[in-house]
Amino acid sequence: MKLARFIVEGKPRLGKVVGSEIVDLSSAAPECGSSMKALIERLDELRPALEALDGPSFGLADVQLAAPITDPRKFLAIGMNYRAHAEEAAAAGIPTPKSQLWFNKQVTCINGPYDDVVLPSVSEKVDYEAELGFIIGKRCRHVKREDAQSVIAGYFVANDVTARDWQFRSPTYTLGKSFDTHGPIGPWITTADEVPDPHNLTLSLSLNGEERQRTSTGDMIYDIWDQISYLSTVMTLEPGDIIITGTPSNVGIATDTFMKPGDVVRVEVNGLGSIENRFVAEER
């Protein structure tokens, strides 16, 4: 299934994308309201009813797709996790980490798949990062690598928008990664049963129609199973937690290319859809 949040008459709802339509899931999961987190927590229980539901439906072109989840307890991201990107960073004097490099994006940065991204007035170096994301489906701790796939609810497309000048102000990346609107995700959550191998996907990004990034997710240094095992050694992962898995080479900073008002960035993962966001100047 492709699980989404959409807005009709100003109100958010949960939906299931089928072709060019979106089925309203309210009758199958009324107690979840518009919370994807609540739906993910009960996904195994509700799945038969969700899969069987065939209406009411709306045309995708007639609704606004919202961020598929807005209320995760965690938004985690791994840095320098693609080989070519790590080499690119090393050439710029940034050493390759000896272990997995994790940081937080604050949940208030979450943005919709087609919503505007705001360029902060206090930053001159806002950059793009195409990423594959996944969402945790089961509360878990100390997950073995061979069991990691079983705790994933689904996958999505992300742009880890980054204010580079803020990222490198301190030893931790959080501030540079967490400006409001700098976490566009979507366009929906494709459930894990429809993604047999997340390490065999093509991830790409274009800036104003010109391709800037393209790679296979198989180029990850630490694959998704390693990531879950490593993180769950430290912390409990909970249903609804979202995790993004790193970006390939040719980020903007590598060519001194930073976002300007009017720029449009599109990120796509084959089989999972695409997100497209326009960058706009901050109004204060």
C-alpha atoms as a PDB file:
ATOM      1  CA  MET A   1       0.000   0.000   0.000  1.00  0.00           C
ATOM      2  CA  LYS A   2       0.884   3.625  -0.410  1.00  0.00           C
ATOM      3  CA  LEU A   3      -0.264   5.396   2.760  1.00  0.00           C
ATOM      4  CA  ALA A   4      -0.630   9.162   2.628  1.00  0.00           C
ATOM      5  CA  ARG A   5      -2.010  12.198   4.361  1.00  0.00           C
ATOM      6  CA  PHE A   6      -4.055  14.584   2.257  1.00  0.00           C
ATOM      7  CA  ILE A   7      -6.074  17.737   2.733  1.00  0.00           C
ATOM      8  CA  VAL A   8      -9.667  18.208   1.628  1.00  0.00           C
ATOM      9  CA  GLU A   9     -11.646  21.332   2.497  1.00  0.00           C
ATOM     10  CA  GLY A  10      -8.821  22.431   4.780  1.00  0.00           C
ATOM     11  CA  LYS A  11      -8.820  19.263   6.888  1.00  0.00           C
ATOM     12  CA  PRO A  12      -6.130  16.546   6.883  1.00  0.00           C
ATOM     13  CA  ARG A  13      -7.122  12.922   6.366  1.00  0.00           C
ATOM     14  CA  LEU A  14      -5.413   9.567   6.019  1.00  0.00           C
ATOM     15  CA  GLY A  15      -5.534   7.941   2.620  1.00  0.00           C
ATOM     16  CA  LYS A  16      -4.388   5.069   0.437  1.00  0.00           C
ATOM     17  CA  VAL A  17      -3.062   5.933  -3.016  1.00  0.00           C
ATOM     18  CA  VAL A  18      -4.343   3.659  -5.784  1.00  0.00           C
ATOM     19  CA  GLY A  19      -3.313   4.718  -9.266  1.00  0.00           C
ATOM     20  CA  SER A  20      -4.489   8.274  -9.851  1.00  0.00           C
ATOM     21  CA  GLU A  21      -6.858   8.256  -6.882  1.00  0.00           C
ATOM     22  CA  ILE A  22      -6.611   8.407  -3.122  1.00  0.00           C
ATOM     23  CA  VAL A  23      -9.013   6.395  -0.965  1.00  0.00           C
ATOM     24  CA  ASP A  24     -10.157   8.011   2.278  1.00  0.00           C
ATOM     25  CA  LEU A  25      -9.296   5.642   5.159  1.00  0.00           C
ATOM     26  CA  SER A  26     -11.534   7.306   7.743  1.00  0.00           C
ATOM     27  CA  SER A  27     -14.088   4.494   7.837  1.00  0.00           C
ATOM     28  CA  ALA A  28     -11.424   1.793   8.272  1.00  0.00           C
ATOM     29  CA  ALA A  29      -9.419   3.636  10.938  1.00  0.00           C
ATOM     30  CA  PRO A  30     -11.668   6.290  12.533  1.00  0.00           C
ATOM     31  CA  GLU A  31      -9.793   6.204  15.829  1.00  0.00           C
ATOM     32  CA  CYS A  32      -6.548   7.256  14.091  1.00  0.00           C
ATOM     33  CA  GLY A  33      -7.936  10.590  12.932  1.00  0.00           C
ATOM     34  CA  SER A  34      -5.320  12.151  10.652  1.00  0.00           C
ATOM     35  CA  SER A  35      -2.320  10.726  12.561  1.00  0.00           C
ATOM     36  CA  MET A  36      -0.055   8.485  10.505  1.00  0.00           C
ATOM     37  CA  LYS A  37       1.778   7.580  13.711  1.00  0.00           C
ATOM     38  CA  ALA A  38      -1.460   6.196  15.164  1.00  0.00           C
ATOM     39  CA  LEU A  39      -2.079   4.248  11.958  1.00  0.00           C
ATOM     40  CA  ILE A  40       1.438   2.805  11.904  1.00  0.00           C
ATOM     41  CA  GLU A  41       1.076   1.701  15.530  1.00  0.00           C
ATOM     42  CA  ARG A  42      -1.923  -0.422  14.504  1.00  0.00           C
ATOM     43  CA  LEU A  43      -0.922  -1.259  10.952  1.00  0.00           C
ATOM     44  CA  ASP A  44      -0.765  -5.041  11.375  1.00  0.00           C
ATOM     45  CA  GLU A  45      -4.203  -5.076  12.996  1.00  0.00           C
ATOM     46  CA  LEU A  46      -5.814  -2.710  10.496  1.00  0.00           C
ATOM     47  CA  ARG A  47      -4.113  -3.936   7.320  1.00  0.00           C
ATOM     48  CA  PRO A  48      -6.921  -6.267   6.102  1.00  0.00           C
ATOM     49  CA  ALA A  49      -9.530  -3.509   6.417  1.00  0.00           C
ATOM     50  CA  LEU A  50      -7.243  -0.919   4.826  1.00  0.00           C
ATOM     51  CA  GLU A  51      -6.437  -3.162   1.879  1.00  0.00           C
ATOM     52  CA  ALA A  52     -10.102  -4.046   1.299  1.00  0.00           C
ATOM     53  CA  LEU A  53     -11.417  -0.486   1.417  1.00  0.00           C
ATOM     54  CA  ASP A  54     -12.219   0.951  -2.017  1.00  0.00           C
ATOM     55  CA  GLY A  55     -14.001   4.216  -1.240  1.00  0.00           C
ATOM     56  CA  PRO A  56     -14.810   6.983  -0.902  1.00  0.00           C
ATOM     57  CA  SER A  57     -12.015   8.255  -3.122  1.00  0.00           C
ATOM     58  CA  PHE A  58     -10.720  11.505  -4.600  1.00  0.00           C
ATOM     59  CA  GLY A  59      -8.597  12.257  -7.625  1.00  0.00           C
ATOM     60  CA  LEU A  60      -4.983  12.840  -6.627  1.00  0.00           C
ATOM     61  CA  ALA A  61      -5.016  15.956  -8.771  1.00  0.00           C
ATOM     62  CA  ASP A  62      -7.917  17.320  -6.723  1.00  0.00           C
ATOM     63  CA  VAL A  63      -6.319  17.123  -3.273  1.00  0.00           C
ATOM     64  CA  GLN A  64      -3.221  18.480  -1.567  1.00  0.00           C
ATOM     65  CA  LEU A  65      -0.783  15.822  -0.402  1.00  0.00           C
ATOM     66  CA  ALA A  66       0.637  16.676   3.014  1.00  0.00           C
ATOM     67  CA  ALA A  67       3.704  15.310   4.782  1.00  0.00           C
ATOM     68  CA  PRO A  68       2.858  11.629   5.347  1.00  0.00           C
ATOM     69  CA  ILE A  69       3.727  11.931   9.031  1.00  0.00           C
ATOM     70  CA  THR A  70       4.040  15.032  11.196  1.00  0.00           C
ATOM     71  CA  ASP A  71       4.150  13.548  14.690  1.00  0.00           C
ATOM     72  CA  PRO A  72       7.083  11.104  14.933  1.00  0.00           C
ATOM     73  CA  ARG A  73       8.921  11.020  18.236  1.00  0.00           C
ATOM     74  CA  LYS A  74      12.262  10.836  16.419  1.00  0.00           C
ATOM     75  CA  PHE A  75      13.646  12.122  13.115  1.00  0.00           C
ATOM     76  CA  LEU A  76      17.125  10.604  12.768  1.00  0.00           C
ATOM     77  CA  ALA A  77      19.639  10.944   9.944  1.00  0.00           C
ATOM     78  CA  ILE A  78      22.985   9.381   9.096  1.00  0.00           C
ATOM     79  CA  GLY A  79      25.792  11.402   7.549  1.00  0.00           C
ATOM     80  CA  MET A  80      28.375  10.521   4.893  1.00  0.00           C
ATOM     81  CA  ASN A  81      26.881   7.097   4.285  1.00  0.00           C
ATOM     82  CA  TYR A  82      27.472   6.799   0.531  1.00  0.00           C
ATOM     83  CA  ARG A  83      30.957   5.878  -0.621  1.00  0.00           C
ATOM     84  CA  ALA A  84      31.215   8.520  -3.334  1.00  0.00           C
ATOM     85  CA  HIS A  85      29.903  11.214  -0.984  1.00  0.00           C
ATOM     86  CA  ALA A  86      32.401  10.231   1.723  1.00  0.00           C
ATOM     87  CA  GLU A  87      35.190  10.483  -0.865  1.00  0.00           C
ATOM     88  CA  GLU A  88      33.857  13.869  -1.974  1.00  0.00           C
ATOM     89  CA  ALA A  89      33.871  15.095   1.639  1.00  0.00           C
ATOM     90  CA  ALA A  90      37.365  13.712   2.275  1.00  0.00           C
ATOM     91  CA  ALA A  91      38.665  15.645  -0.735  1.00  0.00           C
ATOM     92  CA  ALA A  92      37.289  18.789   0.922  1.00  0.00           C
ATOM     93  CA  GLY A  93      39.130  18.022   4.159  1.00  0.00           C
ATOM     94  CA  ILE A  94      36.281  16.352   6.049  1.00  0.00           C
ATOM     95  CA  PRO A  95      37.514  12.994   7.385  1.00  0.00           C
ATOM     96  CA  THR A  96      35.456   9.873   6.784  1.00  0.00           C
ATOM     97  CA  PRO A  97      33.819   8.754  10.063  1.00  0.00           C
ATOM     98  CA  LYS A  98      35.124   5.529  11.557  1.00  0.00           C
ATOM     99  CA  SER A  99      31.631   4.524  12.636  1.00  0.00           C
ATOM    100  CA  GLN A 100      28.058   5.466  11.813  1.00  0.00           C
ATOM    101  CA  LEU A 101      27.552   9.243  12.103  1.00  0.00           C
ATOM    102  CA  TRP A 102      24.074  10.014  13.456  1.00  0.00           C
ATOM    103  CA  PHE A 103      22.317  13.298  14.165  1.00  0.00           C
ATOM    104  CA  ASN A 104      18.811  14.587  14.819  1.00  0.00           C
ATOM    105  CA  LYS A 105      16.590  16.651  12.606  1.00  0.00           C
ATOM    106  CA  GLN A 106      13.998  18.298  14.814  1.00  0.00           C
ATOM    107  CA  VAL A 107      10.467  17.170  13.977  1.00  0.00           C
ATOM    108  CA  THR A 108       9.367  20.789  13.498  1.00  0.00           C
ATOM    109  CA  CYS A 109      11.369  20.827  10.249  1.00  0.00           C
ATOM    110  CA  ILE A 110       9.041  18.286   8.609  1.00  0.00           C
ATOM    111  CA  ASN A 111       7.533  19.627   5.412  1.00  0.00           C
ATOM    112  CA  GLY A 112       5.164  18.365   2.751  1.00  0.00           C
ATOM    113  CA  PRO A 113       6.233  16.735  -0.510  1.00  0.00           C
ATOM    114  CA  TYR A 114       5.269  19.747  -2.631  1.00  0.00           C
ATOM    115  CA  ASP A 115       5.390  22.582  -0.100  1.00  0.00           C
ATOM    116  CA  ASP A 116       7.743  25.559  -0.263  1.00  0.00           C
ATOM    117  CA  VAL A 117      11.077  25.375   1.569  1.00  0.00           C
ATOM    118  CA  VAL A 118      12.030  28.613   3.296  1.00  0.00           C
ATOM    119  CA  LEU A 119      15.532  30.031   2.881  1.00  0.00           C
ATOM    120  CA  PRO A 120      16.400  31.452   6.319  1.00  0.00           C
ATOM    121  CA  SER A 121      17.518  35.073   6.341  1.00  0.00           C
ATOM    122  CA  VAL A 122      20.388  34.028   8.641  1.00  0.00           C
ATOM    123  CA  SER A 123      21.874  31.489   6.206  1.00  0.00           C
ATOM    124  CA  GLU A 124      23.605  31.975   2.865  1.00  0.00           C
ATOM    125  CA  LYS A 125      24.479  28.335   2.203  1.00  0.00           C
ATOM    126  CA  VAL A 126      21.352  26.203   2.008  1.00  0.00           C
ATOM    127  CA  ASP A 127      21.988  22.891   0.269  1.00  0.00           C
ATOM    128  CA  TYR A 128      20.058  19.842  -0.966  1.00  0.00           C
ATOM    129  CA  GLU A 129      20.530  16.157  -0.116  1.00  0.00           C
ATOM    130  CA  ALA A 130      18.508  13.420  -1.832  1.00  0.00           C
ATOM    131  CA  GLU A 131      17.755  10.578   0.572  1.00  0.00           C
ATOM    132  CA  LEU A 132      15.799   7.369   1.011  1.00  0.00           C
ATOM    133  CA  GLY A 133      13.833   7.285   4.243  1.00  0.00           C
ATOM    134  CA  PHE A 134      12.100   4.576   6.231  1.00  0.00           C
ATOM    135  CA  ILE A 135       9.623   4.486   9.096  1.00  0.00           C
ATOM    136  CA  ILE A 136       9.727   2.154  12.073  1.00  0.00           C
ATOM    137  CA  GLY A 137       6.676  -0.070  12.537  1.00  0.00           C
ATOM    138  CA  LYS A 138       7.404  -1.882  15.796  1.00  0.00           C
ATOM    139  CA  ARG A 139       8.781  -0.879  19.174  1.00  0.00           C
ATOM    140  CA  CYS A 140      12.182  -2.527  19.346  1.00  0.00           C
ATOM    141  CA  ARG A 141      15.563  -2.604  21.064  1.00  0.00           C
ATOM    142  CA  HIS A 142      18.753  -4.599  20.413  1.00  0.00           C
ATOM    143  CA  VAL A 143      17.596  -5.671  16.958  1.00  0.00           C
ATOM    144  CA  LYS A 144      19.821  -8.214  15.249  1.00  0.00           C
ATOM    145  CA  ARG A 145      20.833  -7.393  11.700  1.00  0.00           C
ATOM    146  CA  GLU A 146      18.964 -10.421  10.374  1.00  0.00           C
ATOM    147  CA  ASP A 147      15.750  -9.240  12.073  1.00  0.00           C
ATOM    148  CA  ALA A 148      15.956  -5.574  11.071  1.00  0.00           C
ATOM    149  CA  GLN A 149      13.697  -5.818   8.033  1.00  0.00           C
ATOM    150  CA  SER A 150      10.807  -6.990  10.222  1.00  0.00           C
ATOM    151  CA  VAL A 151      10.609  -3.723  12.205  1.00  0.00           C
ATOM    152  CA  ILE A 152      10.179  -1.440   9.167  1.00  0.00           C
ATOM    153  CA  ALA A 153       6.669  -0.250   8.279  1.00  0.00           C
ATOM    154  CA  GLY A 154       7.581   1.424   5.000  1.00  0.00           C
ATOM    155  CA  TYR A 155       9.738   3.747   2.910  1.00  0.00           C
ATOM    156  CA  PHE A 156       9.568   7.305   1.594  1.00  0.00           C
ATOM    157  CA  VAL A 157      11.510   9.965  -0.320  1.00  0.00           C
ATOM    158  CA  ALA A 158      13.292  12.795   1.523  1.00  0.00           C
ATOM    159  CA  ASN A 159      15.384  15.897   0.973  1.00  0.00           C
ATOM    160  CA  ASP A 160      17.713  16.532   3.917  1.00  0.00           C
ATOM    161  CA  VAL A 161      17.843  20.295   3.354  1.00  0.00           C
ATOM    162  CA  THR A 162      20.900  21.654   5.148  1.00  0.00           C
ATOM    163  CA  ALA A 163      22.124  25.112   6.103  1.00  0.00           C
ATOM    164  CA  ARG A 164      25.849  24.411   5.677  1.00  0.00           C
ATOM    165  CA  ASP A 165      27.020  27.572   7.430  1.00  0.00           C
ATOM    166  CA  TRP A 166      25.051  26.529  10.516  1.00  0.00           C
ATOM    167  CA  GLN A 167      25.939  22.847  10.199  1.00  0.00           C
ATOM    168  CA  PHE A 168      29.631  23.538  10.705  1.00  0.00           C
ATOM    169  CA  ARG A 169      29.301  26.118  13.487  1.00  0.00           C
ATOM    170  CA  SER A 170      29.428  23.421  16.156  1.00  0.00           C
ATOM    171  CA  PRO A 171      30.560  19.794  16.495  1.00  0.00           C
ATOM    172  CA  THR A 172      26.958  18.586  16.148  1.00  0.00           C
ATOM    173  CA  TYR A 173      24.885  18.998  12.990  1.00  0.00           C
ATOM    174  CA  THR A 174      21.457  19.515  14.564  1.00  0.00           C
ATOM    175  CA  LEU A 175      21.068  23.277  14.084  1.00  0.00           C
ATOM    176  CA  GLY A 176      22.135  23.210  10.455  1.00  0.00           C
ATOM    177  CA  LYS A 177      19.724  20.374   9.755  1.00  0.00           C
ATOM    178  CA  SER A 178      16.646  21.607  11.601  1.00  0.00           C
ATOM    179  CA  PHE A 179      15.437  24.929  10.220  1.00  0.00           C
ATOM    180  CA  ASP A 180      11.665  24.968   9.818  1.00  0.00           C
ATOM    181  CA  THR A 181      10.525  23.462   6.469  1.00  0.00           C
ATOM    182  CA  HIS A 182      13.939  21.815   5.916  1.00  0.00           C
ATOM    183  CA  GLY A 183      12.595  18.266   6.110  1.00  0.00           C
ATOM    184  CA  PRO A 184      10.374  17.659   3.077  1.00  0.00           C
ATOM    185  CA  ILE A 185       9.258  14.021   2.945  1.00  0.00           C
ATOM    186  CA  GLY A 186       6.759  11.957   0.992  1.00  0.00           C
ATOM    187  CA  PRO A 187       4.934  11.781  -1.233  1.00  0.00           C
ATOM    188  CA  TRP A 188       3.536   8.856   0.763  1.00  0.00           C
ATOM    189  CA  ILE A 189       4.752   5.847   2.730  1.00  0.00           C
ATOM    190  CA  THR A 190       5.130   2.731   0.599  1.00  0.00           C
ATOM    191  CA  THR A 191       4.646  -0.243   2.897  1.00  0.00           C
ATOM    192  CA  ALA A 192       7.625  -2.547   3.310  1.00  0.00           C
ATOM    193  CA  ASP A 193       5.934  -5.517   1.631  1.00  0.00           C
ATOM    194  CA  GLU A 194       6.099  -3.586  -1.661  1.00  0.00           C
ATOM    195  CA  VAL A 195       9.848  -2.916  -1.334  1.00  0.00           C
ATOM    196  CA  PRO A 196      11.557  -6.322  -1.285  1.00  0.00           C
ATOM    197  CA  ASP A 197      15.078  -4.856  -1.500  1.00  0.00           C
ATOM    198  CA  PRO A 198      15.579  -1.232  -0.402  1.00  0.00           C
ATOM    199  CA  HIS A 199      19.244  -1.551  -1.367  1.00  0.00           C
ATOM    200  CA  ASN A 200      18.413  -1.934  -5.058  1.00  0.00           C
ATOM    201  CA  LEU A 201      16.691   1.381  -5.738  1.00  0.00           C
ATOM    202  CA  THR A 202      17.727   4.365  -7.837  1.00  0.00           C
ATOM    203  CA  LEU A 203      17.894   7.668  -5.966  1.00  0.00           C
ATOM    204  CA  SER A 204      18.110  10.899  -7.959  1.00  0.00           C
ATOM    205  CA  LEU A 205      17.813  14.667  -7.562  1.00  0.00           C
ATOM    206  CA  SER A 206      17.395  17.488 -10.041  1.00  0.00           C
ATOM    207  CA  LEU A 207      17.800  21.237  -9.542  1.00  0.00           C
ATOM    208  CA  ASN A 208      15.672  23.353 -11.892  1.00  0.00           C
ATOM    209  CA  GLY A 209      15.334  20.354 -14.198  1.00  0.00           C
ATOM    210  CA  GLU A 210      19.070  19.545 -14.313  1.00  0.00           C
ATOM    211  CA  GLU A 211      20.093  16.252 -12.753  1.00  0.00           C
ATOM    212  CA  ARG A 212      22.598  16.708  -9.931  1.00  0.00           C
ATOM    213  CA  GLN A 213      22.551  13.428  -8.020  1.00  0.00           C
ATOM    214  CA  ARG A 214      21.978   9.823  -9.090  1.00  0.00           C
ATOM    215  CA  THR A 215      23.043   6.591  -7.461  1.00  0.00           C
ATOM    216  CA  SER A 216      21.946   3.141  -6.393  1.00  0.00           C
ATOM    217  CA  THR A 217      21.009   2.732  -2.745  1.00  0.00           C
ATOM    218  CA  GLY A 218      23.360  -0.240  -2.881  1.00  0.00           C
ATOM    219  CA  ASP A 219      26.233   2.268  -2.579  1.00  0.00           C
ATOM    220  CA  MET A 220      25.494   2.808   1.120  1.00  0.00           C
ATOM    221  CA  ILE A 221      28.440   2.178   3.420  1.00  0.00           C
ATOM    222  CA  TYR A 222      26.138   1.043   6.234  1.00  0.00           C
ATOM    223  CA  ASP A 223      22.977  -0.510   4.874  1.00  0.00           C
ATOM    224  CA  ILE A 224      19.563  -0.150   6.478  1.00  0.00           C
ATOM    225  CA  TRP A 225      19.855  -3.392   8.442  1.00  0.00           C
ATOM    226  CA  ASP A 226      23.169  -2.179   9.918  1.00  0.00           C
ATOM    227  CA  GLN A 227      21.600   1.171  10.761  1.00  0.00           C
ATOM    228  CA  ILE A 228      18.696  -0.341  12.682  1.00  0.00           C
ATOM    229  CA  SER A 229      20.931  -2.748  14.564  1.00  0.00           C
ATOM    230  CA  TYR A 230      23.354   0.037  15.513  1.00  0.00           C
ATOM    231  CA  LEU A 231      20.713   2.565  16.576  1.00  0.00           C
ATOM    232  CA  SER A 232      18.708   0.050  18.576  1.00  0.00           C
ATOM    233  CA  THR A 233      21.813  -0.825  20.570  1.00  0.00           C
ATOM    234  CA  VAL A 234      21.562   2.681  22.026  1.00  0.00           C
ATOM    235  CA  MET A 235      17.876   3.568  22.032  1.00  0.00           C
ATOM    236  CA  THR A 236      14.411   2.134  21.777  1.00  0.00           C
ATOM    237  CA  LEU A 237      12.960   2.656  18.320  1.00  0.00           C
ATOM    238  CA  GLU A 238       9.223   3.263  18.257  1.00  0.00           C
ATOM    239  CA  PRO A 239       6.433   3.059  15.691  1.00  0.00           C
ATOM    240  CA  GLY A 240       6.403   6.236  13.641  1.00  0.00           C
ATOM    241  CA  ASP A 241      10.093   7.084  14.109  1.00  0.00           C
ATOM    242  CA  ILE A 242      11.500   8.244  10.768  1.00  0.00           C
ATOM    243  CA  ILE A 243      15.063   7.659   9.649  1.00  0.00           C
ATOM    244  CA  ILE A 244      16.848   8.927   6.540  1.00  0.00           C
ATOM    245  CA  THR A 245      19.782   7.002   5.197  1.00  0.00           C
ATOM    246  CA  GLY A 246      22.345   9.381   3.693  1.00  0.00           C
ATOM    247  CA  THR A 247      22.927  11.228   0.434  1.00  0.00           C
ATOM    248  CA  PRO A 248      25.084  10.429  -2.599  1.00  0.00           C
ATOM    249  CA  SER A 249      27.830  12.593  -4.068  1.00  0.00           C
ATOM    250  CA  ASN A 250      27.465  15.947  -5.826  1.00  0.00           C
ATOM    251  CA  VAL A 251      25.746  17.859  -3.073  1.00  0.00           C
ATOM    252  CA  GLY A 252      25.644  21.595  -3.695  1.00  0.00           C
ATOM    253  CA  ILE A 253      28.552  22.485  -1.431  1.00  0.00           C
ATOM    254  CA  ALA A 254      30.864  20.370  -3.611  1.00  0.00           C
ATOM    255  CA  THR A 255      30.433  22.857  -6.470  1.00  0.00           C
ATOM    256  CA  ASP A 256      29.647  25.936  -4.368  1.00  0.00           C
ATOM    257  CA  THR A 257      26.009  25.731  -5.484  1.00  0.00           C
ATOM    258  CA  PHE A 258      23.510  26.938  -2.912  1.00  0.00           C
ATOM    259  CA  MET A 259      19.784  27.462  -3.103  1.00  0.00           C
ATOM    260  CA  LYS A 260      18.265  30.742  -4.292  1.00  0.00           C
ATOM    261  CA  PRO A 261      14.664  31.967  -4.209  1.00  0.00           C
ATOM    262  CA  GLY A 262      12.776  30.330  -7.057  1.00  0.00           C
ATOM    263  CA  ASP A 263      14.962  27.215  -7.256  1.00  0.00           C
ATOM    264  CA  VAL A 264      13.010  23.959  -7.566  1.00  0.00           C
ATOM    265  CA  VAL A 265      14.437  20.669  -6.287  1.00  0.00           C
ATOM    266  CA  ARG A 266      12.958  17.306  -7.213  1.00  0.00           C
ATOM    267  CA  VAL A 267      13.966  14.070  -5.471  1.00  0.00           C
ATOM    268  CA  GLU A 268      12.868  10.685  -6.792  1.00  0.00           C
ATOM    269  CA  VAL A 269      13.268   7.055  -5.772  1.00  0.00           C
ATOM    270  CA  ASN A 270      12.072   4.553  -8.353  1.00  0.00           C
ATOM    271  CA  GLY A 271       8.946   2.795  -7.150  1.00  0.00           C
ATOM    272  CA  LEU A 272       8.444   5.198  -4.232  1.00  0.00           C
ATOM    273  CA  GLY A 273       7.501   8.375  -6.089  1.00  0.00           C
ATOM    274  CA  SER A 274       8.974  11.857  -6.014  1.00  0.00           C
ATOM    275  CA  ILE A 275       8.844  15.080  -4.039  1.00  0.00           C
ATOM    276  CA  GLU A 276       9.337  18.545  -5.511  1.00  0.00           C
ATOM    277  CA  ASN A 277       9.842  21.732  -3.521  1.00  0.00           C
ATOM    278  CA  ARG A 278      10.323  25.360  -4.448  1.00  0.00           C
ATOM    279  CA  PHE A 279      12.720  27.465  -2.365  1.00  0.00           C
ATOM    280  CA  VAL A 280      11.456  30.855  -1.210  1.00  0.00           C
ATOM    281  CA  ALA A 281      12.952  33.740   0.755  1.00  0.00           C
ATOM    282  CA  GLU A 282      12.009  34.050   4.399  1.00  0.00           C
ATOM    283  CA  GLU A 283       9.497  36.740   5.247  1.00  0.00           C
ATOM    284  CA  ARG A 284       9.958  38.211   8.715  1.00  0.00           C
END
